[in-house]
C-alpha atoms as a PDB file:
ATOM      1  CA  MET A   1       5.449 -48.495  34.695  1.00  0.00           C
ATOM      2  CA  LYS A   2       5.300 -44.917  33.476  1.00  0.00           C
ATOM      3  CA  ARG A   3       2.741 -44.074  36.113  1.00  0.00           C
ATOM      4  CA  SER A   4       4.897 -45.461  38.921  1.00  0.00           C
ATOM      5  CA  LEU A   5       7.937 -43.470  37.697  1.00  0.00           C
ATOM      6  CA  TYR A   6       5.777 -40.339  37.532  1.00  0.00           C
ATOM      7  CA  LEU A   7       4.608 -40.877  41.098  1.00  0.00           C
ATOM      8  CA  LEU A   8       8.157 -41.535  42.264  1.00  0.00           C
ATOM      9  CA  PHE A   9       9.455 -38.274  40.740  1.00  0.00           C
ATOM     10  CA  LEU A  10       6.456 -36.338  42.026  1.00  0.00           C
ATOM     11  CA  THR A  11       7.026 -37.655  45.550  1.00  0.00           C
ATOM     12  CA  ALA A  12      10.733 -36.840  45.389  1.00  0.00           C
ATOM     13  CA  GLY A  13       9.956 -33.315  44.187  1.00  0.00           C
ATOM     14  CA  LEU A  14       7.473 -32.755  46.994  1.00  0.00           C
ATOM     15  CA  LEU A  15       9.960 -34.087  49.532  1.00  0.00           C
ATOM     16  CA  VAL A  16      12.685 -31.711  48.296  1.00  0.00           C
ATOM     17  CA  ALA A  17      10.254 -28.774  48.381  1.00  0.00           C
ATOM     18  CA  ALA A  18       9.224 -29.623  51.956  1.00  0.00           C
ATOM     19  CA  VAL A  19      12.845 -29.831  53.133  1.00  0.00           C
ATOM     20  CA  ARG A  20      13.670 -26.488  51.490  1.00  0.00           C
ATOM     21  CA  ALA A  21      10.624 -24.857  53.071  1.00  0.00           C
ATOM     22  CA  GLN A  22      11.704 -25.976  56.556  1.00  0.00           C
ATOM     23  CA  SER A  23      15.360 -24.984  56.272  1.00  0.00           C
ATOM     24  CA  PRO A  24      16.220 -21.314  56.827  1.00  0.00           C
ATOM     25  CA  THR A  25      17.457 -19.520  53.720  1.00  0.00           C
ATOM     26  CA  PRO A  26      20.549 -17.374  54.025  1.00  0.00           C
ATOM     27  CA  THR A  27      19.822 -13.696  53.683  1.00  0.00           C
ATOM     28  CA  PRO A  28      22.166 -11.633  51.551  1.00  0.00           C
ATOM     29  CA  GLY A  29      24.015  -8.975  53.434  1.00  0.00           C
ATOM     30  CA  PRO A  30      27.452  -7.540  53.956  1.00  0.00           C
ATOM     31  CA  ARG A  31      30.127 -10.195  53.996  1.00  0.00           C
ATOM     32  CA  THR A  32      32.723  -9.991  56.702  1.00  0.00           C
ATOM     33  CA  THR A  33      35.768 -12.126  56.886  1.00  0.00           C
ATOM     34  CA  THR A  34      36.676 -13.332  60.300  1.00  0.00           C
ATOM     35  CA  SER A  35      39.826 -14.581  61.826  1.00  0.00           C
ATOM     36  CA  PRO A  36      39.695 -16.815  64.878  1.00  0.00           C
ATOM     37  CA  THR A  37      40.885 -15.435  68.185  1.00  0.00           C
ATOM     38  CA  VAL A  38      41.502 -17.925  70.939  1.00  0.00           C
ATOM     39  CA  ALA A  39      39.762 -16.717  74.102  1.00  0.00           C
ATOM     40  CA  ASP A  40      40.742 -19.782  76.062  1.00  0.00           C
ATOM     41  CA  SER A  41      41.711 -23.321  75.227  1.00  0.00           C
ATOM     42  CA  ARG A  42      38.092 -24.419  74.749  1.00  0.00           C
ATOM     43  CA  SER A  43      36.401 -21.700  72.628  1.00  0.00           C
ATOM     44  CA  VAL A  44      37.131 -19.709  69.505  1.00  0.00           C
ATOM     45  CA  THR A  45      35.527 -16.284  68.946  1.00  0.00           C
ATOM     46  CA  PRO A  46      35.439 -14.763  65.437  1.00  0.00           C
ATOM     47  CA  THR A  47      36.863 -11.249  65.175  1.00  0.00           C
ATOM     48  CA  PRO A  48      35.788  -9.136  62.180  1.00  0.00           C
ATOM     49  CA  LYS A  49      38.571  -7.763  59.990  1.00  0.00           C
ATOM     50  CA  PRO A  50      38.414  -4.080  59.028  1.00  0.00           C
ATOM     51  CA  ALA A  51      37.002  -3.361  55.584  1.00  0.00           C
ATOM     52  CA  ARG A  52      39.350  -2.120  52.869  1.00  0.00           C
ATOM     53  CA  THR A  53      39.049   1.477  51.867  1.00  0.00           C
ATOM     54  CA  MET A  54      39.020   2.350  48.192  1.00  0.00           C
ATOM     55  CA  THR A  55      40.873   5.297  46.796  1.00  0.00           C
ATOM     56  CA  ASP A  56      39.090   7.713  44.510  1.00  0.00           C
ATOM     57  CA  ALA A  57      40.150   7.213  40.906  1.00  0.00           C
ATOM     58  CA  ASN A  58      37.899   9.904  39.504  1.00  0.00           C
ATOM     59  CA  ASN A  59      39.571  11.872  36.729  1.00  0.00           C
ATOM     60  CA  THR A  60      36.418  13.465  35.338  1.00  0.00           C
ATOM     61  CA  ALA A  61      37.806  16.985  35.643  1.00  0.00           C
ATOM     62  CA  ARG A  62      40.884  16.068  33.605  1.00  0.00           C
ATOM     63  CA  ASN A  63      38.765  14.372  30.944  1.00  0.00           C
ATOM     64  CA  ALA A  64      36.479  17.414  30.724  1.00  0.00           C
ATOM     65  CA  GLY A  65      39.551  19.618  30.264  1.00  0.00           C
ATOM     66  CA  ASP A  66      40.829  17.351  27.503  1.00  0.00           C
ATOM     67  CA  ALA A  67      37.521  17.582  25.658  1.00  0.00           C
ATOM     68  CA  ALA A  68      37.450  21.377  26.022  1.00  0.00           C
ATOM     69  CA  THR A  69      40.935  21.812  24.529  1.00  0.00           C
ATOM     70  CA  GLY A  70      40.119  19.646  21.512  1.00  0.00           C
ATOM     71  CA  ALA A  71      42.528  16.884  22.555  1.00  0.00           C
ATOM     72  CA  SER A  72      41.836  13.346  21.326  1.00  0.00           C
ATOM     73  CA  THR A  73      39.805  11.381  23.828  1.00  0.00           C
ATOM     74  CA  ALA A  74      38.829   7.714  23.826  1.00  0.00           C
ATOM     75  CA  ASP A  75      35.163   8.450  23.133  1.00  0.00           C
ATOM     76  CA  GLN A  76      36.167  10.047  19.815  1.00  0.00           C
ATOM     77  CA  GLN A  77      37.502   6.733  18.489  1.00  0.00           C
ATOM     78  CA  PRO A  78      35.891   6.282  15.057  1.00  0.00           C
ATOM     79  CA  ASN A  79      34.496   2.975  13.866  1.00  0.00           C
ATOM     80  CA  ASP A  80      36.525   2.921  10.680  1.00  0.00           C
ATOM     81  CA  PRO A  81      37.596  -0.713  10.084  1.00  0.00           C
ATOM     82  CA  ALA A  82      41.219   0.204   9.315  1.00  0.00           C
ATOM     83  CA  ASP A  83      41.488   2.330  12.482  1.00  0.00           C
ATOM     84  CA  LEU A  84      39.909  -0.391  14.612  1.00  0.00           C
ATOM     85  CA  LYS A  85      42.267  -3.017  13.178  1.00  0.00           C
ATOM     86  CA  LEU A  86      45.293  -0.843  13.991  1.00  0.00           C
ATOM     87  CA  LEU A  87      43.924  -0.113  17.473  1.00  0.00           C
ATOM     88  CA  GLN A  88      43.440  -3.822  18.158  1.00  0.00           C
ATOM     89  CA  ALA A  89      46.943  -4.675  16.958  1.00  0.00           C
ATOM     90  CA  ILE A  90      48.532  -2.008  19.189  1.00  0.00           C
ATOM     91  CA  ARG A  91      46.401  -2.991  22.218  1.00  0.00           C
ATOM     92  CA  LYS A  92      47.299  -6.680  21.772  1.00  0.00           C
ATOM     93  CA  ALA A  93      51.005  -5.822  21.563  1.00  0.00           C
ATOM     94  CA  VAL A  94      50.821  -3.653  24.695  1.00  0.00           C
ATOM     95  CA  ILE A  95      48.886  -6.282  26.663  1.00  0.00           C
ATOM     96  CA  ALA A  96      51.282  -9.048  25.569  1.00  0.00           C
ATOM     97  CA  ASP A  97      54.355  -7.164  26.844  1.00  0.00           C
ATOM     98  CA  ALA A  98      55.112  -8.675  30.268  1.00  0.00           C
ATOM     99  CA  THR A  99      57.478  -5.841  31.241  1.00  0.00           C
ATOM    100  CA  LEU A 100      54.651  -3.266  31.384  1.00  0.00           C
ATOM    101  CA  SER A 101      52.690  -2.463  34.535  1.00  0.00           C
ATOM    102  CA  MET A 102      48.914  -2.824  34.606  1.00  0.00           C
ATOM    103  CA  GLY A 103      48.605   0.971  34.473  1.00  0.00           C
ATOM    104  CA  ALA A 104      50.670   1.067  31.301  1.00  0.00           C
ATOM    105  CA  LYS A 105      48.602  -1.716  29.753  1.00  0.00           C
ATOM    106  CA  ASN A 106      45.488   0.367  30.450  1.00  0.00           C
ATOM    107  CA  CYS A 107      46.741   3.511  28.720  1.00  0.00           C
ATOM    108  CA  LYS A 108      44.366   5.132  26.249  1.00  0.00           C
ATOM    109  CA  ILE A 109      45.081   4.382  22.614  1.00  0.00           C
ATOM    110  CA  ILE A 110      43.114   6.472  20.132  1.00  0.00           C
ATOM    111  CA  VAL A 111      43.429   5.882  16.383  1.00  0.00           C
ATOM    112  CA  ARG A 112      41.885   8.356  13.939  1.00  0.00           C
ATOM    113  CA  ASP A 113      42.651   8.282  10.207  1.00  0.00           C
ATOM    114  CA  GLY A 114      45.721   6.103  10.843  1.00  0.00           C
ATOM    115  CA  LEU A 115      47.170   8.558  13.403  1.00  0.00           C
ATOM    116  CA  VAL A 116      47.712   7.178  16.907  1.00  0.00           C
ATOM    117  CA  THR A 117      47.436   9.170  20.135  1.00  0.00           C
ATOM    118  CA  LEU A 118      48.700   7.627  23.391  1.00  0.00           C
ATOM    119  CA  ARG A 119      47.347   9.078  26.651  1.00  0.00           C
ATOM    120  CA  GLY A 120      47.383   8.076  30.282  1.00  0.00           C
ATOM    121  CA  SER A 121      49.545   7.698  33.333  1.00  0.00           C
ATOM    122  CA  ILE A 122      52.447   5.235  33.389  1.00  0.00           C
ATOM    123  CA  GLU A 123      55.132   4.243  35.900  1.00  0.00           C
ATOM    124  CA  SER A 124      58.394   5.080  34.124  1.00  0.00           C
ATOM    125  CA  GLU A 125      60.163   6.487  31.088  1.00  0.00           C
ATOM    126  CA  LYS A 126      61.054   2.915  30.141  1.00  0.00           C
ATOM    127  CA  GLU A 127      57.350   2.056  29.866  1.00  0.00           C
ATOM    128  CA  ARG A 128      56.783   5.199  27.778  1.00  0.00           C
ATOM    129  CA  ALA A 129      59.533   4.152  25.376  1.00  0.00           C
ATOM    130  CA  THR A 130      58.212   0.589  25.164  1.00  0.00           C
ATOM    131  CA  ILE A 131      54.638   1.639  24.372  1.00  0.00           C
ATOM    132  CA  ASP A 132      55.816   4.274  21.892  1.00  0.00           C
ATOM    133  CA  THR A 133      58.043   1.719  20.132  1.00  0.00           C
ATOM    134  CA  LEU A 134      55.196  -0.820  19.915  1.00  0.00           C
ATOM    135  CA  ALA A 135      52.762   1.761  18.509  1.00  0.00           C
ATOM    136  CA  THR A 136      55.300   3.214  16.045  1.00  0.00           C
ATOM    137  CA  GLY A 137      56.227  -0.262  14.834  1.00  0.00           C
ATOM    138  CA  LEU A 138      52.602  -0.979  13.937  1.00  0.00           C
ATOM    139  CA  ALA A 139      51.381   2.465  12.805  1.00  0.00           C
ATOM    140  CA  GLY A 140      54.535   3.748  11.129  1.00  0.00           C
ATOM    141  CA  LYS A 141      57.087   6.434  11.891  1.00  0.00           C
ATOM    142  CA  GLY A 142      55.629   9.898  12.431  1.00  0.00           C
ATOM    143  CA  LYS A 143      52.092   8.623  13.024  1.00  0.00           C
ATOM    144  CA  VAL A 144      52.209   8.396  16.846  1.00  0.00           C
ATOM    145  CA  THR A 145      51.565  11.276  19.250  1.00  0.00           C
ATOM    146  CA  ASP A 146      52.856  10.351  22.702  1.00  0.00           C
ATOM    147  CA  LEU A 147      50.961  12.190  25.460  1.00  0.00           C
ATOM    148  CA  LEU A 148      51.749   9.616  28.172  1.00  0.00           C
ATOM    149  CA  GLU A 149      52.530  11.041  31.602  1.00  0.00           C
ATOM    150  CA  VAL A 150      55.044   9.435  33.958  1.00  0.00           C
ATOM    151  CA  LYS A 151      53.810   9.260  37.547  1.00  0.00           C
ATOM    152  CA  LEU A 152      55.944  10.952  40.153  1.00  0.00           C
ATOM    153  CA  SER A 153      57.824   8.481  42.303  1.00  0.00           C
ATOM    154  CA  SER A 154      56.504   8.242  45.879  1.00  0.00           C
ATOM    155  CA  ARG A 155      60.005   7.618  47.221  1.00  0.00           C
END
């Protein structure tokens, strides 16, 4: 009985391997999305859509300037348990606030010796006030340095 089951599984495995060897494998390459264009009532020809262009979000020069002036930067975040706990509490509060834009939720929060520094670009003064209020409520009055920058409106 065991021998017949072994032969059955071996045969099935060989059959699967043979089928896979005969079928062409897809080659990885650039993916293009297509939308059908009706050439006539009987055929459909795919038309490639243009690729999206990405905007450059490189702020290396600004970060280098911050480091040169002695400003607090995210890579200077110490691993002190009390600072990390405060950082996590502030980040959770900011992320949980549904009124904030994604840019505001991604602002830099640096905590060193119980002092909080907020940096980054946000959409409005209202977001600045919201983030500042959340951080001050958790860290304490006088322990938050707000260096958030409001983006200029494109209107």
